[in-house]
Amino acid sequence: MARTHVSVIGLGNLRRELRELDDEIQRGALRAVEESARAVQSEGRDTIRVRTGRARDKLKVRVRESGLSADVGWSDPDVYYVKFLEYGTEKIEAIPVLTMAAENERRRFPDRVARHVRQEAG
């Protein structure tokens, strides 16, 4: 699975504080994480090089059980070659689809969390 790691500074503190918040606010934060992962998936699908469509179609989201993190990527062995597309080789120019999508989402994420928490807290 090709992966890009996005770090949130103070994530441990955020997790502790979220546990102490009302259920409505936690649900808002969880919805924001899932929406964020889906946005990365969508942007990745829109920008990946397409020949057969397999890599585009097999880009998946997995929201972790805690709900506070999600993975976006490829785990199907049929698309082993996506790492070559993402990182490049001697002969293939790198087009870091997931890296770019994650960086774009990093800027949108704080507003996304605030919006969902406001909606849930209503």
PDB file of N, CA and C in Angstrom:
ATOM      1  N   MET A   1       0.844  -1.167   0.000  1.00  0.00           N
ATOM      2  CA  MET A   1       0.000   0.000   0.000  1.00  0.00           C
ATOM      3  C   MET A   1       0.892   1.234   0.000  1.00  0.00           C
ATOM      4  N   ALA A   2       0.767   2.092  -0.996  1.00  0.00           N
ATOM      5  CA  ALA A   2       1.490   3.353  -1.010  1.00  0.00           C
ATOM      6  C   ALA A   2       0.891   4.234   0.072  1.00  0.00           C
ATOM      7  N   ARG A   3       1.726   4.887   0.849  1.00  0.00           N
ATOM      8  CA  ARG A   3       1.223   5.670   1.965  1.00  0.00           C
ATOM      9  C   ARG A   3       1.883   7.030   2.021  1.00  0.00           C
ATOM     10  N   THR A   4       1.139   7.963   2.502  1.00  0.00           N
ATOM     11  CA  THR A   4       1.648   9.273   2.845  1.00  0.00           C
ATOM     12  C   THR A   4       1.190   9.550   4.252  1.00  0.00           C
ATOM     13  N   HIS A   5       2.087  10.002   5.091  1.00  0.00           N
ATOM     14  CA  HIS A   5       1.757  10.248   6.490  1.00  0.00           C
ATOM     15  C   HIS A   5       1.529  11.734   6.690  1.00  0.00           C
ATOM     16  N   VAL A   6       0.398  12.076   7.278  1.00  0.00           N
ATOM     17  CA  VAL A   6       0.100  13.458   7.623  1.00  0.00           C
ATOM     18  C   VAL A   6       0.101  13.545   9.134  1.00  0.00           C
ATOM     19  N   SER A   7       0.924  14.406   9.694  1.00  0.00           N
ATOM     20  CA  SER A   7       1.008  14.545  11.137  1.00  0.00           C
ATOM     21  C   SER A   7       0.262  15.785  11.597  1.00  0.00           C
ATOM     22  N   VAL A   8      -0.426  15.630  12.688  1.00  0.00           N
ATOM     23  CA  VAL A   8      -1.066  16.768  13.333  1.00  0.00           C
ATOM     24  C   VAL A   8      -0.282  17.006  14.603  1.00  0.00           C
ATOM     25  N   ILE A   9       0.283  18.196  14.742  1.00  0.00           N
ATOM     26  CA  ILE A   9       1.069  18.503  15.932  1.00  0.00           C
ATOM     27  C   ILE A   9       0.133  18.527  17.127  1.00  0.00           C
ATOM     28  N   GLY A  10       0.503  17.810  18.165  1.00  0.00           N
ATOM     29  CA  GLY A  10      -0.336  17.750  19.353  1.00  0.00           C
ATOM     30  C   GLY A  10      -1.467  16.753  19.233  1.00  0.00           C
ATOM     31  N   LEU A  11      -1.316  15.757  18.365  1.00  0.00           N
ATOM     32  CA  LEU A  11      -2.384  14.781  18.147  1.00  0.00           C
ATOM     33  C   LEU A  11      -2.731  14.052  19.443  1.00  0.00           C
ATOM     34  N   GLY A  12      -1.746  13.724  20.250  1.00  0.00           N
ATOM     35  CA  GLY A  12      -2.013  13.050  21.531  1.00  0.00           C
ATOM     36  C   GLY A  12      -2.886  13.909  22.427  1.00  0.00           C
ATOM     37  N   ASN A  13      -2.553  15.194  22.491  1.00  0.00           N
ATOM     38  CA  ASN A  13      -3.375  16.109  23.298  1.00  0.00           C
ATOM     39  C   ASN A  13      -4.783  16.214  22.723  1.00  0.00           C
ATOM     40  N   LEU A  14      -4.884  16.287  21.398  1.00  0.00           N
ATOM     41  CA  LEU A  14      -6.193  16.358  20.747  1.00  0.00           C
ATOM     42  C   LEU A  14      -7.023  15.132  21.085  1.00  0.00           C
ATOM     43  N   ARG A  15      -6.417  13.968  21.028  1.00  0.00           N
ATOM     44  CA  ARG A  15      -7.152  12.736  21.355  1.00  0.00           C
ATOM     45  C   ARG A  15      -7.645  12.757  22.795  1.00  0.00           C
ATOM     46  N   ARG A  16      -6.799  13.167  23.731  1.00  0.00           N
ATOM     47  CA  ARG A  16      -7.210  13.239  25.133  1.00  0.00           C
ATOM     48  C   ARG A  16      -8.367  14.206  25.321  1.00  0.00           C
ATOM     49  N   GLU A  17      -8.265  15.360  24.694  1.00  0.00           N
ATOM     50  CA  GLU A  17      -9.322  16.351  24.828  1.00  0.00           C
ATOM     51  C   GLU A  17     -10.619  15.885  24.183  1.00  0.00           C
ATOM     52  N   LEU A  18     -10.521  15.205  23.039  1.00  0.00           N
ATOM     53  CA  LEU A  18     -11.726  14.704  22.375  1.00  0.00           C
ATOM     54  C   LEU A  18     -12.454  13.684  23.244  1.00  0.00           C
ATOM     55  N   ARG A  19     -11.703  12.859  23.960  1.00  0.00           N
ATOM     56  CA  ARG A  19     -12.339  11.868  24.831  1.00  0.00           C
ATOM     57  C   ARG A  19     -13.175  12.542  25.915  1.00  0.00           C
ATOM     58  N   GLU A  20     -12.784  13.737  26.297  1.00  0.00           N
ATOM     59  CA  GLU A  20     -13.484  14.445  27.360  1.00  0.00           C
ATOM     60  C   GLU A  20     -14.685  15.250  26.857  1.00  0.00           C
ATOM     61  N   LEU A  21     -14.824  15.389  25.564  1.00  0.00           N
ATOM     62  CA  LEU A  21     -15.904  16.192  25.002  1.00  0.00           C
ATOM     63  C   LEU A  21     -17.200  15.399  24.898  1.00  0.00           C
ATOM     64  N   ASP A  22     -18.265  16.126  24.700  1.00  0.00           N
ATOM     65  CA  ASP A  22     -19.574  15.503  24.520  1.00  0.00           C
ATOM     66  C   ASP A  22     -19.567  14.585  23.308  1.00  0.00           C
ATOM     67  N   ASP A  23     -20.470  13.624  23.317  1.00  0.00           N
ATOM     68  CA  ASP A  23     -20.583  12.675  22.207  1.00  0.00           C
ATOM     69  C   ASP A  23     -20.836  13.382  20.880  1.00  0.00           C
ATOM     70  N   GLU A  24     -21.607  14.449  20.904  1.00  0.00           N
ATOM     71  CA  GLU A  24     -21.922  15.154  19.659  1.00  0.00           C
ATOM     72  C   GLU A  24     -20.658  15.733  19.025  1.00  0.00           C
ATOM     73  N   ILE A  25     -19.814  16.266  19.841  1.00  0.00           N
ATOM     74  CA  ILE A  25     -18.581  16.870  19.329  1.00  0.00           C
ATOM     75  C   ILE A  25     -17.646  15.785  18.818  1.00  0.00           C
ATOM     76  N   GLN A  26     -17.583  14.671  19.529  1.00  0.00           N
ATOM     77  CA  GLN A  26     -16.758  13.558  19.044  1.00  0.00           C
ATOM     78  C   GLN A  26     -17.273  13.062  17.697  1.00  0.00           C
ATOM     79  N   ARG A  27     -18.591  12.949  17.553  1.00  0.00           N
ATOM     80  CA  ARG A  27     -19.139  12.500  16.270  1.00  0.00           C
ATOM     81  C   ARG A  27     -18.767  13.473  15.153  1.00  0.00           C
ATOM     82  N   GLY A  28     -18.777  14.763  15.453  1.00  0.00           N
ATOM     83  CA  GLY A  28     -18.373  15.749  14.449  1.00  0.00           C
ATOM     84  C   GLY A  28     -16.930  15.565  14.020  1.00  0.00           C
ATOM     85  N   ALA A  29     -16.053  15.335  14.988  1.00  0.00           N
ATOM     86  CA  ALA A  29     -14.640  15.119  14.675  1.00  0.00           C
ATOM     87  C   ALA A  29     -14.453  13.841  13.855  1.00  0.00           C
ATOM     88  N   LEU A  30     -15.176  12.793  14.208  1.00  0.00           N
ATOM     89  CA  LEU A  30     -15.073  11.533  13.483  1.00  0.00           C
ATOM     90  C   LEU A  30     -15.571  11.694  12.045  1.00  0.00           C
ATOM     91  N   ARG A  31     -16.653  12.419  11.862  1.00  0.00           N
ATOM     92  CA  ARG A  31     -17.162  12.670  10.513  1.00  0.00           C
ATOM     93  C   ARG A  31     -16.150  13.469   9.701  1.00  0.00           C
ATOM     94  N   ALA A  32     -15.480  14.413  10.341  1.00  0.00           N
ATOM     95  CA  ALA A  32     -14.478  15.223   9.641  1.00  0.00           C
ATOM     96  C   ALA A  32     -13.315  14.359   9.172  1.00  0.00           C
ATOM     97  N   VAL A  33     -12.874  13.420  10.000  1.00  0.00           N
ATOM     98  CA  VAL A  33     -11.768  12.530   9.608  1.00  0.00           C
ATOM     99  C   VAL A  33     -12.178  11.690   8.399  1.00  0.00           C
ATOM    100  N   GLU A  34     -13.380  11.121   8.446  1.00  0.00           N
ATOM    101  CA  GLU A  34     -13.815  10.304   7.314  1.00  0.00           C
ATOM    102  C   GLU A  34     -13.980  11.148   6.052  1.00  0.00           C
ATOM    103  N   GLU A  35     -14.569  12.323   6.184  1.00  0.00           N
ATOM    104  CA  GLU A  35     -14.734  13.196   5.018  1.00  0.00           C
ATOM    105  C   GLU A  35     -13.387  13.611   4.447  1.00  0.00           C
ATOM    106  N   SER A  36     -12.441  13.861   5.326  1.00  0.00           N
ATOM    107  CA  SER A  36     -11.101  14.234   4.894  1.00  0.00           C
ATOM    108  C   SER A  36     -10.452  13.103   4.100  1.00  0.00           C
ATOM    109  N   ALA A  37     -10.567  11.882   4.600  1.00  0.00           N
ATOM    110  CA  ALA A  37     -10.005  10.727   3.892  1.00  0.00           C
ATOM    111  C   ALA A  37     -10.676  10.556   2.538  1.00  0.00           C
ATOM    112  N   ARG A  38     -11.984  10.734   2.480  1.00  0.00           N
ATOM    113  CA  ARG A  38     -12.704  10.609   1.203  1.00  0.00           C
ATOM    114  C   ARG A  38     -12.269  11.710   0.228  1.00  0.00           C
ATOM    115  N   ALA A  39     -11.955  12.891   0.742  1.00  0.00           N
ATOM    116  CA  ALA A  39     -11.483  13.978  -0.122  1.00  0.00           C
ATOM    117  C   ALA A  39     -10.119  13.631  -0.718  1.00  0.00           C
ATOM    118  N   VAL A  40      -9.236  13.051   0.084  1.00  0.00           N
ATOM    119  CA  VAL A  40      -7.926  12.618  -0.422  1.00  0.00           C
ATOM    120  C   VAL A  40      -8.122  11.524  -1.473  1.00  0.00           C
ATOM    121  N   GLN A  41      -9.006  10.579  -1.195  1.00  0.00           N
ATOM    122  CA  GLN A  41      -9.298   9.511  -2.159  1.00  0.00           C
ATOM    123  C   GLN A  41      -9.821  10.097  -3.469  1.00  0.00           C
ATOM    124  N   SER A  42     -10.750  11.009  -3.375  1.00  0.00           N
ATOM    125  CA  SER A  42     -11.348  11.601  -4.573  1.00  0.00           C
ATOM    126  C   SER A  42     -10.315  12.361  -5.400  1.00  0.00           C
ATOM    127  N   GLU A  43      -9.511  13.172  -4.725  1.00  0.00           N
ATOM    128  CA  GLU A  43      -8.481  13.917  -5.445  1.00  0.00           C
ATOM    129  C   GLU A  43      -7.455  12.966  -6.055  1.00  0.00           C
ATOM    130  N   GLY A  44      -7.103  11.913  -5.325  1.00  0.00           N
ATOM    131  CA  GLY A  44      -6.173  10.930  -5.860  1.00  0.00           C
ATOM    132  C   GLY A  44      -6.724  10.254  -7.104  1.00  0.00           C
ATOM    133  N   ARG A  45      -7.985   9.894  -7.055  1.00  0.00           N
ATOM    134  CA  ARG A  45      -8.617   9.256  -8.220  1.00  0.00           C
ATOM    135  C   ARG A  45      -8.668  10.202  -9.415  1.00  0.00           C
ATOM    136  N   ASP A  46      -8.870  11.474  -9.139  1.00  0.00           N
ATOM    137  CA  ASP A  46      -8.965  12.453 -10.225  1.00  0.00           C
ATOM    138  C   ASP A  46      -7.618  12.758 -10.872  1.00  0.00           C
ATOM    139  N   THR A  47      -6.518  12.550 -10.141  1.00  0.00           N
ATOM    140  CA  THR A  47      -5.221  12.978 -10.655  1.00  0.00           C
ATOM    141  C   THR A  47      -4.269  11.840 -11.036  1.00  0.00           C
ATOM    142  N   ILE A  48      -4.591  10.610 -10.677  1.00  0.00           N
ATOM    143  CA  ILE A  48      -3.675   9.506 -10.995  1.00  0.00           C
ATOM    144  C   ILE A  48      -3.675   9.245 -12.502  1.00  0.00           C
ATOM    145  N   ARG A  49      -2.516   8.865 -13.001  1.00  0.00           N
ATOM    146  CA  ARG A  49      -2.427   8.481 -14.417  1.00  0.00           C
ATOM    147  C   ARG A  49      -3.303   7.258 -14.653  1.00  0.00           C
ATOM    148  N   VAL A  50      -4.075   7.306 -15.713  1.00  0.00           N
ATOM    149  CA  VAL A  50      -5.012   6.210 -15.986  1.00  0.00           C
ATOM    150  C   VAL A  50      -4.658   5.551 -17.304  1.00  0.00           C
ATOM    151  N   ARG A  51      -4.463   4.275 -17.225  1.00  0.00           N
ATOM    152  CA  ARG A  51      -4.287   3.473 -18.440  1.00  0.00           C
ATOM    153  C   ARG A  51      -5.443   2.484 -18.529  1.00  0.00           C
ATOM    154  N   THR A  52      -5.575   1.657 -17.488  1.00  0.00           N
ATOM    155  CA  THR A  52      -6.686   0.698 -17.473  1.00  0.00           C
ATOM    156  C   THR A  52      -7.764   1.113 -16.478  1.00  0.00           C
ATOM    157  N   GLY A  53      -7.425   1.972 -15.527  1.00  0.00           N
ATOM    158  CA  GLY A  53      -8.381   2.392 -14.506  1.00  0.00           C
ATOM    159  C   GLY A  53      -8.304   1.571 -13.231  1.00  0.00           C
ATOM    160  N   ARG A  54      -7.469   0.514 -13.241  1.00  0.00           N
ATOM    161  CA  ARG A  54      -7.369  -0.330 -12.043  1.00  0.00           C
ATOM    162  C   ARG A  54      -6.865   0.433 -10.834  1.00  0.00           C
ATOM    163  N   ALA A  55      -5.803   1.203 -10.993  1.00  0.00           N
ATOM    164  CA  ALA A  55      -5.246   1.948  -9.861  1.00  0.00           C
ATOM    165  C   ALA A  55      -6.262   2.968  -9.350  1.00  0.00           C
ATOM    166  N   ARG A  56      -6.933   3.638 -10.256  1.00  0.00           N
ATOM    167  CA  ARG A  56      -7.948   4.620  -9.865  1.00  0.00           C
ATOM    168  C   ARG A  56      -9.072   3.939  -9.089  1.00  0.00           C
ATOM    169  N   ASP A  57      -9.529   2.820  -9.586  1.00  0.00           N
ATOM    170  CA  ASP A  57     -10.685   2.151  -9.000  1.00  0.00           C
ATOM    171  C   ASP A  57     -10.367   1.430  -7.689  1.00  0.00           C
ATOM    172  N   LYS A  58      -9.100   1.106  -7.467  1.00  0.00           N
ATOM    173  CA  LYS A  58      -8.737   0.349  -6.272  1.00  0.00           C
ATOM    174  C   LYS A  58      -8.134   1.228  -5.171  1.00  0.00           C
ATOM    175  N   LEU A  59      -8.208   2.527  -5.330  1.00  0.00           N
ATOM    176  CA  LEU A  59      -7.768   3.448  -4.276  1.00  0.00           C
ATOM    177  C   LEU A  59      -8.849   3.446  -3.200  1.00  0.00           C
ATOM    178  N   LYS A  60      -8.506   2.972  -2.033  1.00  0.00           N
ATOM    179  CA  LYS A  60      -9.495   2.732  -0.969  1.00  0.00           C
ATOM    180  C   LYS A  60      -9.219   3.571   0.273  1.00  0.00           C
ATOM    181  N   VAL A  61     -10.283   3.737   1.042  1.00  0.00           N
ATOM    182  CA  VAL A  61     -10.210   4.407   2.346  1.00  0.00           C
ATOM    183  C   VAL A  61     -10.518   3.366   3.408  1.00  0.00           C
ATOM    184  N   ARG A  62      -9.725   3.388   4.461  1.00  0.00           N
ATOM    185  CA  ARG A  62     -10.001   2.550   5.630  1.00  0.00           C
ATOM    186  C   ARG A  62      -9.952   3.455   6.850  1.00  0.00           C
ATOM    187  N   VAL A  63     -11.101   3.636   7.480  1.00  0.00           N
ATOM    188  CA  VAL A  63     -11.162   4.438   8.704  1.00  0.00           C
ATOM    189  C   VAL A  63     -10.835   3.495   9.849  1.00  0.00           C
ATOM    190  N   ARG A  64      -9.893   3.891  10.657  1.00  0.00           N
ATOM    191  CA  ARG A  64      -9.470   3.050  11.769  1.00  0.00           C
ATOM    192  C   ARG A  64     -10.588   2.927  12.796  1.00  0.00           C
ATOM    193  N   GLU A  65     -10.539   1.882  13.582  1.00  0.00           N
ATOM    194  CA  GLU A  65     -11.593   1.600  14.557  1.00  0.00           C
ATOM    195  C   GLU A  65     -11.830   2.765  15.502  1.00  0.00           C
ATOM    196  N   SER A  66     -10.780   3.450  15.907  1.00  0.00           N
ATOM    197  CA  SER A  66     -10.935   4.595  16.811  1.00  0.00           C
ATOM    198  C   SER A  66     -11.659   5.742  16.121  1.00  0.00           C
ATOM    199  N   GLY A  67     -11.603   5.752  14.785  1.00  0.00           N
ATOM    200  CA  GLY A  67     -12.259   6.809  14.029  1.00  0.00           C
ATOM    201  C   GLY A  67     -11.452   8.077  13.911  1.00  0.00           C
ATOM    202  N   LEU A  68     -10.352   8.171  14.635  1.00  0.00           N
ATOM    203  CA  LEU A  68      -9.561   9.398  14.613  1.00  0.00           C
ATOM    204  C   LEU A  68      -8.422   9.349  13.615  1.00  0.00           C
ATOM    205  N   SER A  69      -8.354   8.288  12.846  1.00  0.00           N
ATOM    206  CA  SER A  69      -7.378   8.239  11.764  1.00  0.00           C
ATOM    207  C   SER A  69      -7.924   7.352  10.658  1.00  0.00           C
ATOM    208  N   ALA A  70      -7.393   7.568   9.481  1.00  0.00           N
ATOM    209  CA  ALA A  70      -7.825   6.804   8.316  1.00  0.00           C
ATOM    210  C   ALA A  70      -6.639   6.605   7.396  1.00  0.00           C
ATOM    211  N   ASP A  71      -6.683   5.524   6.653  1.00  0.00           N
ATOM    212  CA  ASP A  71      -5.667   5.240   5.644  1.00  0.00           C
ATOM    213  C   ASP A  71      -6.306   5.391   4.271  1.00  0.00           C
ATOM    214  N   VAL A  72      -5.576   6.002   3.369  1.00  0.00           N
ATOM    215  CA  VAL A  72      -6.005   6.103   1.983  1.00  0.00           C
ATOM    216  C   VAL A  72      -4.875   5.520   1.152  1.00  0.00           C
ATOM    217  N   GLY A  73      -5.184   4.519   0.358  1.00  0.00           N
ATOM    218  CA  GLY A  73      -4.131   3.932  -0.448  1.00  0.00           C
ATOM    219  C   GLY A  73      -4.558   2.656  -1.127  1.00  0.00           C
ATOM    220  N   TRP A  74      -3.553   1.921  -1.571  1.00  0.00           N
ATOM    221  CA  TRP A  74      -3.766   0.688  -2.315  1.00  0.00           C
ATOM    222  C   TRP A  74      -3.208  -0.463  -1.509  1.00  0.00           C
ATOM    223  N   SER A  75      -3.995  -1.488  -1.318  1.00  0.00           N
ATOM    224  CA  SER A  75      -3.496  -2.681  -0.640  1.00  0.00           C
ATOM    225  C   SER A  75      -3.658  -3.920  -1.513  1.00  0.00           C
ATOM    226  N   ASP A  76      -4.272  -3.776  -2.642  1.00  0.00           N
ATOM    227  CA  ASP A  76      -4.510  -4.890  -3.560  1.00  0.00           C
ATOM    228  C   ASP A  76      -3.228  -5.203  -4.323  1.00  0.00           C
ATOM    229  N   PRO A  77      -2.761  -6.455  -4.285  1.00  0.00           N
ATOM    230  CA  PRO A  77      -1.527  -6.799  -4.991  1.00  0.00           C
ATOM    231  C   PRO A  77      -1.616  -6.600  -6.503  1.00  0.00           C
ATOM    232  N   ASP A  78      -2.821  -6.537  -7.047  1.00  0.00           N
ATOM    233  CA  ASP A  78      -2.980  -6.314  -8.492  1.00  0.00           C
ATOM    234  C   ASP A  78      -2.466  -4.942  -8.926  1.00  0.00           C
ATOM    235  N   VAL A  79      -2.345  -4.028  -7.982  1.00  0.00           N
ATOM    236  CA  VAL A  79      -1.891  -2.674  -8.338  1.00  0.00           C
ATOM    237  C   VAL A  79      -0.570  -2.346  -7.624  1.00  0.00           C
ATOM    238  N   TYR A  80       0.303  -3.348  -7.565  1.00  0.00           N
ATOM    239  CA  TYR A  80       1.613  -3.177  -6.927  1.00  0.00           C
ATOM    240  C   TYR A  80       2.395  -2.021  -7.546  1.00  0.00           C
ATOM    241  N   TYR A  81       2.122  -1.721  -8.796  1.00  0.00           N
ATOM    242  CA  TYR A  81       2.890  -0.745  -9.553  1.00  0.00           C
ATOM    243  C   TYR A  81       2.601   0.705  -9.148  1.00  0.00           C
ATOM    244  N   VAL A  82       1.594   0.945  -8.316  1.00  0.00           N
ATOM    245  CA  VAL A  82       1.274   2.340  -7.967  1.00  0.00           C
ATOM    246  C   VAL A  82       2.423   3.006  -7.231  1.00  0.00           C
ATOM    247  N   LYS A  83       3.217   2.230  -6.518  1.00  0.00           N
ATOM    248  CA  LYS A  83       4.368   2.843  -5.835  1.00  0.00           C
ATOM    249  C   LYS A  83       5.342   3.430  -6.850  1.00  0.00           C
ATOM    250  N   PHE A  84       5.428   2.822  -8.041  1.00  0.00           N
ATOM    251  CA  PHE A  84       6.303   3.362  -9.076  1.00  0.00           C
ATOM    252  C   PHE A  84       5.733   4.665  -9.636  1.00  0.00           C
ATOM    253  N   LEU A  85       4.402   4.735  -9.724  1.00  0.00           N
ATOM    254  CA  LEU A  85       3.768   5.969 -10.193  1.00  0.00           C
ATOM    255  C   LEU A  85       3.944   7.085  -9.164  1.00  0.00           C
ATOM    256  N   GLU A  86       3.745   6.752  -7.895  1.00  0.00           N
ATOM    257  CA  GLU A  86       3.814   7.737  -6.809  1.00  0.00           C
ATOM    258  C   GLU A  86       5.237   8.257  -6.604  1.00  0.00           C
ATOM    259  N   TYR A  87       6.203   7.345  -6.553  1.00  0.00           N
ATOM    260  CA  TYR A  87       7.576   7.727  -6.216  1.00  0.00           C
ATOM    261  C   TYR A  87       8.518   7.815  -7.403  1.00  0.00           C
ATOM    262  N   GLY A  88       8.119   7.248  -8.538  1.00  0.00           N
ATOM    263  CA  GLY A  88       8.947   7.298  -9.729  1.00  0.00           C
ATOM    264  C   GLY A  88      10.012   6.219  -9.748  1.00  0.00           C
ATOM    265  N   THR A  89      10.630   6.092 -10.898  1.00  0.00           N
ATOM    266  CA  THR A  89      11.750   5.170 -11.102  1.00  0.00           C
ATOM    267  C   THR A  89      12.743   5.897 -12.002  1.00  0.00           C
ATOM    268  N   GLU A  90      13.757   5.181 -12.443  1.00  0.00           N
ATOM    269  CA  GLU A  90      14.701   5.781 -13.390  1.00  0.00           C
ATOM    270  C   GLU A  90      14.006   6.242 -14.660  1.00  0.00           C
ATOM    271  N   LYS A  91      12.991   5.491 -15.063  1.00  0.00           N
ATOM    272  CA  LYS A  91      12.337   5.766 -16.343  1.00  0.00           C
ATOM    273  C   LYS A  91      10.955   6.401 -16.210  1.00  0.00           C
ATOM    274  N   ILE A  92      10.410   6.423 -15.019  1.00  0.00           N
ATOM    275  CA  ILE A  92       9.068   6.970 -14.807  1.00  0.00           C
ATOM    276  C   ILE A  92       9.169   8.171 -13.881  1.00  0.00           C
ATOM    277  N   GLU A  93       8.687   9.300 -14.338  1.00  0.00           N
ATOM    278  CA  GLU A  93       8.684  10.502 -13.498  1.00  0.00           C
ATOM    279  C   GLU A  93       7.673  10.319 -12.362  1.00  0.00           C
ATOM    280  N   ALA A  94       8.081  10.680 -11.157  1.00  0.00           N
ATOM    281  CA  ALA A  94       7.189  10.577 -10.000  1.00  0.00           C
ATOM    282  C   ALA A  94       6.054  11.587 -10.126  1.00  0.00           C
ATOM    283  N   ILE A  95       4.865  11.122  -9.871  1.00  0.00           N
ATOM    284  CA  ILE A  95       3.711  11.998  -9.726  1.00  0.00           C
ATOM    285  C   ILE A  95       3.071  11.599  -8.401  1.00  0.00           C
ATOM    286  N   PRO A  96       3.449  12.268  -7.326  1.00  0.00           N
ATOM    287  CA  PRO A  96       3.015  11.880  -5.983  1.00  0.00           C
ATOM    288  C   PRO A  96       1.551  12.250  -5.720  1.00  0.00           C
ATOM    289  N   VAL A  97       0.663  11.496  -6.309  1.00  0.00           N
ATOM    290  CA  VAL A  97      -0.768  11.762  -6.256  1.00  0.00           C
ATOM    291  C   VAL A  97      -1.275  11.860  -4.818  1.00  0.00           C
ATOM    292  N   LEU A  98      -0.977  10.852  -4.006  1.00  0.00           N
ATOM    293  CA  LEU A  98      -1.482  10.870  -2.629  1.00  0.00           C
ATOM    294  C   LEU A  98      -0.779  11.909  -1.776  1.00  0.00           C
ATOM    295  N   THR A  99       0.489  12.113  -2.016  1.00  0.00           N
ATOM    296  CA  THR A  99       1.209  13.132  -1.258  1.00  0.00           C
ATOM    297  C   THR A  99       0.604  14.505  -1.517  1.00  0.00           C
ATOM    298  N   MET A 100       0.352  14.810  -2.773  1.00  0.00           N
ATOM    299  CA  MET A 100      -0.240  16.113  -3.112  1.00  0.00           C
ATOM    300  C   MET A 100      -1.653  16.228  -2.548  1.00  0.00           C
ATOM    301  N   ALA A 101      -2.440  15.167  -2.660  1.00  0.00           N
ATOM    302  CA  ALA A 101      -3.812  15.208  -2.146  1.00  0.00           C
ATOM    303  C   ALA A 101      -3.821  15.388  -0.630  1.00  0.00           C
ATOM    304  N   ALA A 102      -2.924  14.704   0.059  1.00  0.00           N
ATOM    305  CA  ALA A 102      -2.851  14.831   1.519  1.00  0.00           C
ATOM    306  C   ALA A 102      -2.401  16.230   1.932  1.00  0.00           C
ATOM    307  N   GLU A 103      -1.453  16.790   1.212  1.00  0.00           N
ATOM    308  CA  GLU A 103      -1.000  18.151   1.525  1.00  0.00           C
ATOM    309  C   GLU A 103      -2.130  19.165   1.289  1.00  0.00           C
ATOM    310  N   ASN A 104      -2.887  18.984   0.226  1.00  0.00           N
ATOM    311  CA  ASN A 104      -4.024  19.871  -0.024  1.00  0.00           C
ATOM    312  C   ASN A 104      -5.054  19.739   1.095  1.00  0.00           C
ATOM    313  N   GLU A 105      -5.301  18.531   1.524  1.00  0.00           N
ATOM    314  CA  GLU A 105      -6.285  18.304   2.591  1.00  0.00           C
ATOM    315  C   GLU A 105      -5.790  18.826   3.928  1.00  0.00           C
ATOM    316  N   ARG A 106      -4.503  18.800   4.152  1.00  0.00           N
ATOM    317  CA  ARG A 106      -3.947  19.309   5.416  1.00  0.00           C
ATOM    318  C   ARG A 106      -4.377  20.757   5.646  1.00  0.00           C
ATOM    319  N   ARG A 107      -4.412  21.540   4.596  1.00  0.00           N
ATOM    320  CA  ARG A 107      -4.818  22.947   4.726  1.00  0.00           C
ATOM    321  C   ARG A 107      -6.319  23.079   4.986  1.00  0.00           C
ATOM    322  N   ARG A 108      -7.118  22.169   4.448  1.00  0.00           N
ATOM    323  CA  ARG A 108      -8.575  22.234   4.603  1.00  0.00           C
ATOM    324  C   ARG A 108      -9.061  21.605   5.905  1.00  0.00           C
ATOM    325  N   PHE A 109      -8.274  20.731   6.490  1.00  0.00           N
ATOM    326  CA  PHE A 109      -8.729  19.917   7.613  1.00  0.00           C
ATOM    327  C   PHE A 109      -9.193  20.720   8.831  1.00  0.00           C
ATOM    328  N   PRO A 110      -8.470  21.734   9.283  1.00  0.00           N
ATOM    329  CA  PRO A 110      -8.955  22.464  10.469  1.00  0.00           C
ATOM    330  C   PRO A 110     -10.364  23.049  10.275  1.00  0.00           C
ATOM    331  N   ASP A 111     -10.632  23.624   9.108  1.00  0.00           N
ATOM    332  CA  ASP A 111     -11.971  24.163   8.850  1.00  0.00           C
ATOM    333  C   ASP A 111     -13.003  23.050   8.770  1.00  0.00           C
ATOM    334  N   ARG A 112     -12.613  21.924   8.221  1.00  0.00           N
ATOM    335  CA  ARG A 112     -13.525  20.782   8.106  1.00  0.00           C
ATOM    336  C   ARG A 112     -13.930  20.286   9.500  1.00  0.00           C
ATOM    337  N   VAL A 113     -12.966  20.169  10.395  1.00  0.00           N
ATOM    338  CA  VAL A 113     -13.259  19.729  11.770  1.00  0.00           C
ATOM    339  C   VAL A 113     -14.181  20.740  12.446  1.00  0.00           C
ATOM    340  N   ALA A 114     -13.843  22.014  12.335  1.00  0.00           N
ATOM    341  CA  ALA A 114     -14.662  23.046  12.980  1.00  0.00           C
ATOM    342  C   ALA A 114     -16.096  23.002  12.462  1.00  0.00           C
ATOM    343  N   ARG A 115     -16.261  22.846  11.166  1.00  0.00           N
ATOM    344  CA  ARG A 115     -17.606  22.818  10.570  1.00  0.00           C
ATOM    345  C   ARG A 115     -18.409  21.634  11.095  1.00  0.00           C
ATOM    346  N   HIS A 116     -17.814  20.452  11.110  1.00  0.00           N
ATOM    347  CA  HIS A 116     -18.541  19.260  11.571  1.00  0.00           C
ATOM    348  C   HIS A 116     -18.851  19.319  13.061  1.00  0.00           C
ATOM    349  N   VAL A 117     -17.924  19.832  13.845  1.00  0.00           N
ATOM    350  CA  VAL A 117     -18.185  19.944  15.279  1.00  0.00           C
ATOM    351  C   VAL A 117     -19.325  20.933  15.527  1.00  0.00           C
ATOM    352  N   ARG A 118     -19.305  22.059  14.815  1.00  0.00           N
ATOM    353  CA  ARG A 118     -20.415  23.038  14.939  1.00  0.00           C
ATOM    354  C   ARG A 118     -21.751  22.405  14.563  1.00  0.00           C
ATOM    355  N   GLN A 119     -21.762  21.633  13.474  1.00  0.00           N
ATOM    356  CA  GLN A 119     -22.999  20.988  13.027  1.00  0.00           C
ATOM    357  C   GLN A 119     -23.522  20.016  14.080  1.00  0.00           C
ATOM    358  N   GLU A 120     -22.658  19.237  14.648  1.00  0.00           N
ATOM    359  CA  GLU A 120     -23.083  18.252  15.651  1.00  0.00           C
ATOM    360  C   GLU A 120     -23.513  18.920  16.955  1.00  0.00           C
ATOM    361  N   ALA A 121     -22.805  19.982  17.348  1.00  0.00           N
ATOM    362  CA  ALA A 121     -23.113  20.653  18.609  1.00  0.00           C
ATOM    363  C   ALA A 121     -24.372  21.506  18.480  1.00  0.00           C
ATOM    364  N   GLY A 122     -24.680  21.846  17.219  1.00  0.00           N
ATOM    365  CA  GLY A 122     -25.856  22.566  16.794  1.00  0.00           C
ATOM    366  C   GLY A 122     -26.354  23.596  17.664  1.00  0.00           C
TER     367      GLY A 122
END
